[in-house]
Amino acid sequence: NQAGVKLIKETGLLCFSDDRNNGYINSIVDSFKKNSEAKSEDLNVNELRKRYPYINFGENSRACYDPTGGVIMADKALKCVQDLSVRFGVKIRDGDRVVSIIHDKQKVEVHTDSGRRYLAKSCIVCTGPWASQLLSKLGF
C-alpha cells in the first residue's frame, strides 16, 4: 500500500457448522474449490476433533479452514487514510461537531457547534455512529 503500513494480520479463519449440509459452509467450500489458487482445507468431524480438541464438535460437523484469513487493523487503516489524505491536500478537522450542512451544485457550507463555518466545493463528513442524526437533518 502507499502508506507502507501492514494493515492485515493473517490469523487463519475457521468456519464451521454442526450440520455438514449447512448451505453457508457448503457455499464457502465450493467457492474455494472454484479458485485454483486457494489454500483452504475442507475438514470433516474427525479432522476437526484432532486439530481442535478444545471445541466440542457434533457428529455431523463440517468446516473450512482458510490459512490466509485474517483481521484488518482498523485503527492503522484509518490512520493511513488520514495521512494519505493530508499528503494529497485534504484538511482534517477532528472533534468539531457538525450541526448543519447547506449544499448546492457549486458549494458545500458546513456549520459546527464551535461556531466555525467551512466553505468548499466538496467535503467528506465522517460522523461515525451519529450518521443518521446528521443525515436526517439533510433529508436523507
N, C-alpha and C. Protein backbone atom coordinates (compact mmCIF):
# COMPACT_ATOMS: atom_id res chain seq x y z
N ASN A 1 0.83 -1.19 0.00
CA ASN A 1 0.00 0.00 0.00
C ASN A 1 0.87 1.24 0.00
N GLN A 2 0.30 2.38 -0.33
CA GLN A 2 1.07 3.62 -0.46
C GLN A 2 1.65 4.10 0.86
N ALA A 3 1.01 3.75 1.96
CA ALA A 3 1.49 4.21 3.26
C ALA A 3 2.62 3.34 3.80
N GLY A 4 2.81 2.15 3.23
CA GLY A 4 3.87 1.26 3.68
C GLY A 4 3.61 0.64 5.05
N VAL A 5 2.36 0.54 5.43
CA VAL A 5 1.99 0.01 6.74
C VAL A 5 1.24 -1.31 6.54
N LYS A 6 1.57 -2.30 7.35
CA LYS A 6 0.88 -3.59 7.27
C LYS A 6 -0.50 -3.43 7.92
N LEU A 7 -1.55 -3.61 7.13
CA LEU A 7 -2.91 -3.38 7.60
C LEU A 7 -3.69 -4.67 7.86
N ILE A 8 -3.19 -5.79 7.38
CA ILE A 8 -3.89 -7.07 7.55
C ILE A 8 -2.97 -8.03 8.29
N LYS A 9 -3.50 -8.65 9.32
CA LYS A 9 -2.74 -9.66 10.06
C LYS A 9 -3.37 -11.02 9.76
N GLU A 10 -2.60 -11.89 9.13
CA GLU A 10 -3.11 -13.23 8.82
C GLU A 10 -3.16 -14.05 10.10
N THR A 11 -4.35 -14.52 10.42
CA THR A 11 -4.55 -15.33 11.62
C THR A 11 -5.12 -16.70 11.28
N GLY A 12 -5.59 -16.85 10.04
CA GLY A 12 -6.34 -18.04 9.66
C GLY A 12 -7.79 -17.84 10.02
N LEU A 13 -8.67 -18.51 9.31
CA LEU A 13 -10.11 -18.40 9.55
C LEU A 13 -10.73 -19.78 9.49
N LEU A 14 -11.43 -20.14 10.55
CA LEU A 14 -12.14 -21.41 10.62
C LEU A 14 -13.64 -21.13 10.63
N CYS A 15 -14.34 -21.59 9.61
CA CYS A 15 -15.80 -21.51 9.56
C CYS A 15 -16.33 -22.92 9.73
N PHE A 16 -17.26 -23.11 10.67
CA PHE A 16 -17.76 -24.46 10.87
C PHE A 16 -19.23 -24.46 11.24
N SER A 17 -19.83 -25.65 11.09
CA SER A 17 -21.23 -25.85 11.42
C SER A 17 -21.40 -27.26 11.96
N ASP A 18 -22.37 -27.43 12.84
CA ASP A 18 -22.70 -28.77 13.34
C ASP A 18 -23.52 -29.56 12.33
N ASP A 19 -23.89 -28.91 11.23
CA ASP A 19 -24.65 -29.57 10.17
C ASP A 19 -23.80 -29.58 8.91
N ARG A 20 -23.31 -30.77 8.53
CA ARG A 20 -22.43 -30.85 7.37
C ARG A 20 -23.13 -30.45 6.07
N ASN A 21 -24.46 -30.36 6.09
CA ASN A 21 -25.22 -29.93 4.91
C ASN A 21 -25.62 -28.45 4.98
N ASN A 22 -25.01 -27.72 5.90
CA ASN A 22 -25.29 -26.30 6.06
C ASN A 22 -24.93 -25.56 4.77
N GLY A 23 -25.88 -24.82 4.23
CA GLY A 23 -25.68 -24.12 2.97
C GLY A 23 -24.55 -23.11 3.00
N TYR A 24 -24.39 -22.44 4.13
CA TYR A 24 -23.34 -21.42 4.25
C TYR A 24 -21.95 -22.07 4.16
N ILE A 25 -21.73 -23.12 4.95
CA ILE A 25 -20.43 -23.80 4.92
C ILE A 25 -20.19 -24.40 3.54
N ASN A 26 -21.21 -25.01 2.97
CA ASN A 26 -21.05 -25.61 1.64
C ASN A 26 -20.71 -24.56 0.59
N SER A 27 -21.31 -23.38 0.69
CA SER A 27 -21.01 -22.33 -0.28
C SER A 27 -19.57 -21.83 -0.13
N ILE A 28 -19.07 -21.79 1.10
CA ILE A 28 -17.68 -21.38 1.33
C ILE A 28 -16.73 -22.42 0.72
N VAL A 29 -16.98 -23.69 1.02
CA VAL A 29 -16.14 -24.77 0.48
C VAL A 29 -16.18 -24.74 -1.05
N ASP A 30 -17.37 -24.59 -1.62
CA ASP A 30 -17.50 -24.56 -3.09
C ASP A 30 -16.75 -23.39 -3.70
N SER A 31 -16.81 -22.23 -3.05
CA SER A 31 -16.12 -21.06 -3.61
C SER A 31 -14.60 -21.27 -3.59
N PHE A 32 -14.09 -21.91 -2.56
CA PHE A 32 -12.66 -22.19 -2.52
C PHE A 32 -12.27 -23.22 -3.58
N LYS A 33 -13.12 -24.22 -3.80
CA LYS A 33 -12.82 -25.24 -4.81
C LYS A 33 -12.75 -24.64 -6.21
N LYS A 34 -13.52 -23.56 -6.44
CA LYS A 34 -13.52 -22.91 -7.76
C LYS A 34 -12.26 -22.08 -7.99
N ASN A 35 -11.56 -21.76 -6.94
CA ASN A 35 -10.35 -20.94 -7.05
C ASN A 35 -9.13 -21.85 -6.91
N SER A 36 -8.43 -22.05 -8.01
CA SER A 36 -7.29 -22.99 -8.01
C SER A 36 -6.13 -22.51 -7.13
N GLU A 37 -6.08 -21.21 -6.83
CA GLU A 37 -5.01 -20.67 -6.00
C GLU A 37 -5.34 -20.67 -4.51
N ALA A 38 -6.56 -21.03 -4.17
CA ALA A 38 -6.98 -21.03 -2.77
C ALA A 38 -6.23 -22.10 -1.98
N LYS A 39 -5.92 -21.78 -0.74
CA LYS A 39 -5.18 -22.70 0.11
C LYS A 39 -6.06 -23.21 1.25
N SER A 40 -7.32 -23.37 1.00
CA SER A 40 -8.25 -23.78 2.06
C SER A 40 -8.24 -25.28 2.27
N GLU A 41 -8.80 -25.67 3.42
CA GLU A 41 -8.94 -27.09 3.73
C GLU A 41 -10.40 -27.36 4.11
N ASP A 42 -10.96 -28.39 3.53
CA ASP A 42 -12.31 -28.86 3.87
C ASP A 42 -12.13 -29.93 4.95
N LEU A 43 -12.64 -29.67 6.15
CA LEU A 43 -12.38 -30.56 7.28
C LEU A 43 -13.64 -31.29 7.72
N ASN A 44 -13.53 -32.61 7.90
CA ASN A 44 -14.65 -33.38 8.44
C ASN A 44 -14.54 -33.41 9.97
N VAL A 45 -15.49 -34.05 10.61
CA VAL A 45 -15.56 -34.02 12.07
C VAL A 45 -14.32 -34.66 12.71
N ASN A 46 -13.80 -35.73 12.14
CA ASN A 46 -12.60 -36.38 12.71
C ASN A 46 -11.38 -35.46 12.65
N GLU A 47 -11.22 -34.80 11.50
CA GLU A 47 -10.10 -33.86 11.37
C GLU A 47 -10.27 -32.67 12.32
N LEU A 48 -11.50 -32.20 12.47
CA LEU A 48 -11.77 -31.08 13.39
C LEU A 48 -11.42 -31.45 14.82
N ARG A 49 -11.86 -32.62 15.25
CA ARG A 49 -11.61 -33.05 16.64
C ARG A 49 -10.12 -33.23 16.91
N LYS A 50 -9.39 -33.72 15.92
CA LYS A 50 -7.96 -33.91 16.09
C LYS A 50 -7.23 -32.56 16.17
N ARG A 51 -7.60 -31.66 15.28
CA ARG A 51 -6.92 -30.37 15.21
C ARG A 51 -7.36 -29.38 16.30
N TYR A 52 -8.64 -29.47 16.67
CA TYR A 52 -9.19 -28.53 17.65
C TYR A 52 -9.88 -29.29 18.79
N PRO A 53 -9.12 -29.99 19.63
CA PRO A 53 -9.70 -30.84 20.68
C PRO A 53 -10.46 -30.05 21.75
N TYR A 54 -10.25 -28.77 21.84
CA TYR A 54 -10.90 -27.93 22.85
C TYR A 54 -12.28 -27.46 22.42
N ILE A 55 -12.70 -27.79 21.18
CA ILE A 55 -14.05 -27.45 20.70
C ILE A 55 -14.85 -28.73 20.61
N ASN A 56 -16.05 -28.70 21.13
CA ASN A 56 -16.91 -29.88 21.13
C ASN A 56 -17.73 -29.90 19.83
N PHE A 57 -17.23 -30.62 18.82
CA PHE A 57 -17.91 -30.72 17.54
C PHE A 57 -18.89 -31.88 17.56
N GLY A 58 -20.08 -31.66 16.99
CA GLY A 58 -21.08 -32.72 16.86
C GLY A 58 -20.70 -33.70 15.76
N GLU A 59 -21.38 -34.82 15.71
CA GLU A 59 -21.07 -35.89 14.75
C GLU A 59 -21.21 -35.44 13.30
N ASN A 60 -22.08 -34.49 13.02
CA ASN A 60 -22.32 -34.05 11.64
C ASN A 60 -21.59 -32.76 11.28
N SER A 61 -20.55 -32.43 12.01
CA SER A 61 -19.85 -31.17 11.79
C SER A 61 -19.02 -31.19 10.51
N ARG A 62 -18.88 -30.00 9.97
CA ARG A 62 -18.03 -29.78 8.80
C ARG A 62 -17.44 -28.38 8.93
N ALA A 63 -16.24 -28.22 8.40
CA ALA A 63 -15.60 -26.90 8.50
C ALA A 63 -14.74 -26.64 7.28
N CYS A 64 -14.40 -25.38 7.16
CA CYS A 64 -13.47 -24.95 6.13
C CYS A 64 -12.45 -24.05 6.82
N TYR A 65 -11.17 -24.35 6.61
CA TYR A 65 -10.11 -23.54 7.19
C TYR A 65 -9.39 -22.81 6.07
N ASP A 66 -9.26 -21.51 6.22
CA ASP A 66 -8.55 -20.67 5.26
C ASP A 66 -7.34 -20.07 5.96
N PRO A 67 -6.13 -20.55 5.65
CA PRO A 67 -4.94 -20.04 6.35
C PRO A 67 -4.62 -18.58 6.02
N THR A 68 -5.18 -18.07 4.93
CA THR A 68 -4.92 -16.67 4.56
C THR A 68 -5.92 -15.70 5.17
N GLY A 69 -6.93 -16.22 5.88
CA GLY A 69 -7.90 -15.34 6.54
C GLY A 69 -7.22 -14.53 7.62
N GLY A 70 -7.81 -13.40 7.93
CA GLY A 70 -7.18 -12.57 8.94
C GLY A 70 -8.07 -11.43 9.39
N VAL A 71 -7.43 -10.48 10.03
CA VAL A 71 -8.14 -9.31 10.54
C VAL A 71 -7.51 -8.04 9.96
N ILE A 72 -8.35 -7.05 9.75
CA ILE A 72 -7.88 -5.75 9.31
C ILE A 72 -7.65 -4.89 10.54
N MET A 73 -6.50 -4.28 10.61
CA MET A 73 -6.18 -3.38 11.71
C MET A 73 -6.86 -2.04 11.45
N ALA A 74 -8.09 -1.90 11.92
CA ALA A 74 -8.91 -0.74 11.59
C ALA A 74 -8.28 0.56 12.03
N ASP A 75 -7.66 0.58 13.20
CA ASP A 75 -7.04 1.82 13.68
C ASP A 75 -5.89 2.25 12.77
N LYS A 76 -5.09 1.29 12.33
CA LYS A 76 -3.99 1.62 11.42
C LYS A 76 -4.51 2.02 10.04
N ALA A 77 -5.57 1.35 9.59
CA ALA A 77 -6.15 1.69 8.29
C ALA A 77 -6.69 3.11 8.29
N LEU A 78 -7.38 3.49 9.35
CA LEU A 78 -7.90 4.85 9.46
C LEU A 78 -6.77 5.87 9.46
N LYS A 79 -5.72 5.59 10.22
CA LYS A 79 -4.58 6.49 10.29
C LYS A 79 -3.92 6.63 8.92
N CYS A 80 -3.81 5.53 8.17
CA CYS A 80 -3.23 5.59 6.83
C CYS A 80 -4.07 6.44 5.89
N VAL A 81 -5.38 6.27 5.95
CA VAL A 81 -6.28 7.07 5.11
C VAL A 81 -6.13 8.54 5.44
N GLN A 82 -6.08 8.85 6.73
CA GLN A 82 -5.90 10.25 7.14
C GLN A 82 -4.56 10.80 6.67
N ASP A 83 -3.49 10.06 6.89
CA ASP A 83 -2.16 10.52 6.49
C ASP A 83 -2.06 10.74 4.99
N LEU A 84 -2.57 9.78 4.21
CA LEU A 84 -2.53 9.92 2.75
C LEU A 84 -3.41 11.08 2.28
N SER A 85 -4.54 11.26 2.92
CA SER A 85 -5.43 12.37 2.57
C SER A 85 -4.73 13.71 2.78
N VAL A 86 -4.09 13.86 3.92
CA VAL A 86 -3.36 15.10 4.22
C VAL A 86 -2.24 15.30 3.19
N ARG A 87 -1.56 14.22 2.85
CA ARG A 87 -0.48 14.30 1.87
C ARG A 87 -0.99 14.83 0.52
N PHE A 88 -2.26 14.52 0.19
CA PHE A 88 -2.84 14.97 -1.07
C PHE A 88 -3.66 16.25 -0.93
N GLY A 89 -3.49 16.95 0.19
CA GLY A 89 -4.09 18.28 0.33
C GLY A 89 -5.38 18.38 1.11
N VAL A 90 -5.84 17.29 1.68
CA VAL A 90 -7.08 17.32 2.46
C VAL A 90 -6.80 17.97 3.82
N LYS A 91 -7.74 18.76 4.29
CA LYS A 91 -7.65 19.34 5.62
C LYS A 91 -8.62 18.59 6.53
N ILE A 92 -8.09 18.01 7.58
CA ILE A 92 -8.92 17.24 8.52
C ILE A 92 -9.25 18.12 9.71
N ARG A 93 -10.52 18.20 10.01
CA ARG A 93 -10.99 18.95 11.18
C ARG A 93 -11.65 17.94 12.10
N ASP A 94 -10.93 17.53 13.12
CA ASP A 94 -11.40 16.47 14.01
C ASP A 94 -12.00 17.06 15.28
N GLY A 95 -13.08 16.45 15.75
CA GLY A 95 -13.66 16.82 17.03
C GLY A 95 -14.53 18.07 16.99
N ASP A 96 -14.90 18.54 15.81
CA ASP A 96 -15.75 19.71 15.69
C ASP A 96 -17.11 19.23 15.20
N ARG A 97 -18.09 19.19 16.09
CA ARG A 97 -19.40 18.59 15.79
C ARG A 97 -20.16 19.40 14.74
N VAL A 98 -20.55 18.73 13.67
CA VAL A 98 -21.31 19.36 12.59
C VAL A 98 -22.77 19.50 13.03
N VAL A 99 -23.29 20.73 12.90
CA VAL A 99 -24.70 20.96 13.26
C VAL A 99 -25.58 21.18 12.03
N SER A 100 -24.97 21.62 10.92
CA SER A 100 -25.77 21.75 9.70
C SER A 100 -24.85 21.74 8.48
N ILE A 101 -25.44 21.31 7.37
CA ILE A 101 -24.75 21.32 6.09
C ILE A 101 -25.71 21.92 5.06
N ILE A 102 -25.26 22.94 4.38
CA ILE A 102 -26.04 23.56 3.32
C ILE A 102 -25.27 23.32 2.03
N HIS A 103 -25.95 22.77 1.03
CA HIS A 103 -25.23 22.44 -0.19
C HIS A 103 -26.05 22.76 -1.42
N ASP A 104 -25.35 23.09 -2.48
CA ASP A 104 -25.95 23.22 -3.80
C ASP A 104 -24.93 22.69 -4.81
N LYS A 105 -25.14 22.93 -6.09
CA LYS A 105 -24.26 22.35 -7.11
C LYS A 105 -22.86 22.96 -7.12
N GLN A 106 -22.71 24.18 -6.56
CA GLN A 106 -21.43 24.86 -6.60
C GLN A 106 -20.61 24.71 -5.32
N LYS A 107 -21.28 24.55 -4.17
CA LYS A 107 -20.53 24.59 -2.91
C LYS A 107 -21.22 23.80 -1.81
N VAL A 108 -20.44 23.57 -0.78
CA VAL A 108 -20.93 22.96 0.46
C VAL A 108 -20.54 23.88 1.60
N GLU A 109 -21.49 24.16 2.46
CA GLU A 109 -21.23 25.00 3.63
C GLU A 109 -21.53 24.18 4.87
N VAL A 110 -20.52 24.02 5.72
CA VAL A 110 -20.64 23.21 6.93
C VAL A 110 -20.55 24.12 8.15
N HIS A 111 -21.52 23.99 9.05
CA HIS A 111 -21.52 24.77 10.29
C HIS A 111 -21.31 23.80 11.46
N THR A 112 -20.50 24.23 12.43
CA THR A 112 -20.20 23.38 13.57
C THR A 112 -20.66 24.03 14.87
N ASP A 113 -20.71 23.24 15.93
CA ASP A 113 -21.17 23.78 17.21
C ASP A 113 -20.17 24.73 17.86
N SER A 114 -18.95 24.78 17.33
CA SER A 114 -17.97 25.74 17.85
C SER A 114 -18.11 27.10 17.18
N GLY A 115 -19.08 27.20 16.24
CA GLY A 115 -19.29 28.46 15.53
C GLY A 115 -18.51 28.57 14.24
N ARG A 116 -17.72 27.57 13.92
CA ARG A 116 -16.95 27.62 12.67
C ARG A 116 -17.87 27.37 11.48
N ARG A 117 -17.47 27.96 10.34
CA ARG A 117 -18.19 27.78 9.08
C ARG A 117 -17.14 27.41 8.04
N TYR A 118 -17.33 26.25 7.40
CA TYR A 118 -16.41 25.80 6.36
C TYR A 118 -17.12 25.87 5.02
N LEU A 119 -16.43 26.39 4.02
CA LEU A 119 -16.98 26.53 2.68
C LEU A 119 -16.03 25.82 1.71
N ALA A 120 -16.55 24.93 0.88
CA ALA A 120 -15.71 24.18 -0.04
C ALA A 120 -16.53 23.71 -1.23
N LYS A 121 -15.83 23.25 -2.27
CA LYS A 121 -16.52 22.66 -3.42
C LYS A 121 -17.14 21.33 -3.04
N SER A 122 -16.46 20.61 -2.15
CA SER A 122 -16.97 19.32 -1.68
C SER A 122 -16.38 19.04 -0.31
N CYS A 123 -16.97 18.10 0.39
CA CYS A 123 -16.44 17.71 1.70
C CYS A 123 -16.84 16.28 2.01
N ILE A 124 -16.11 15.71 2.93
CA ILE A 124 -16.43 14.38 3.46
C ILE A 124 -16.65 14.57 4.95
N VAL A 125 -17.81 14.16 5.43
CA VAL A 125 -18.12 14.26 6.85
C VAL A 125 -18.15 12.84 7.40
N CYS A 126 -17.27 12.56 8.35
CA CYS A 126 -17.18 11.24 8.96
C CYS A 126 -17.84 11.31 10.33
N THR A 127 -19.07 10.86 10.39
CA THR A 127 -19.87 11.03 11.60
C THR A 127 -19.85 9.84 12.53
N GLY A 128 -19.37 8.71 12.05
CA GLY A 128 -19.41 7.52 12.89
C GLY A 128 -20.84 7.10 13.16
N PRO A 129 -21.13 6.67 14.38
CA PRO A 129 -22.47 6.16 14.68
C PRO A 129 -23.55 7.23 14.71
N TRP A 130 -23.18 8.48 14.52
CA TRP A 130 -24.16 9.57 14.54
C TRP A 130 -24.62 9.95 13.14
N ALA A 131 -24.32 9.15 12.13
CA ALA A 131 -24.66 9.48 10.75
C ALA A 131 -26.15 9.73 10.57
N SER A 132 -26.99 8.88 11.13
CA SER A 132 -28.43 9.03 10.92
C SER A 132 -28.96 10.35 11.49
N GLN A 133 -28.41 10.80 12.59
CA GLN A 133 -28.84 12.07 13.18
C GLN A 133 -28.53 13.23 12.23
N LEU A 134 -27.33 13.24 11.66
CA LEU A 134 -26.96 14.33 10.77
C LEU A 134 -27.66 14.20 9.42
N LEU A 135 -27.68 13.00 8.87
CA LEU A 135 -28.29 12.81 7.54
C LEU A 135 -29.79 13.09 7.55
N SER A 136 -30.46 12.83 8.66
CA SER A 136 -31.89 13.12 8.74
C SER A 136 -32.14 14.62 8.63
N LYS A 137 -31.23 15.44 9.14
CA LYS A 137 -31.35 16.88 9.00
C LYS A 137 -31.19 17.33 7.56
N LEU A 138 -30.50 16.52 6.76
CA LEU A 138 -30.27 16.85 5.36
C LEU A 138 -31.32 16.24 4.43
N GLY A 139 -32.27 15.54 5.02
CA GLY A 139 -33.33 14.95 4.21
C GLY A 139 -33.02 13.57 3.69
N PHE A 140 -32.02 12.90 4.27
CA PHE A 140 -31.66 11.54 3.83
C PHE A 140 -32.14 10.53 4.83
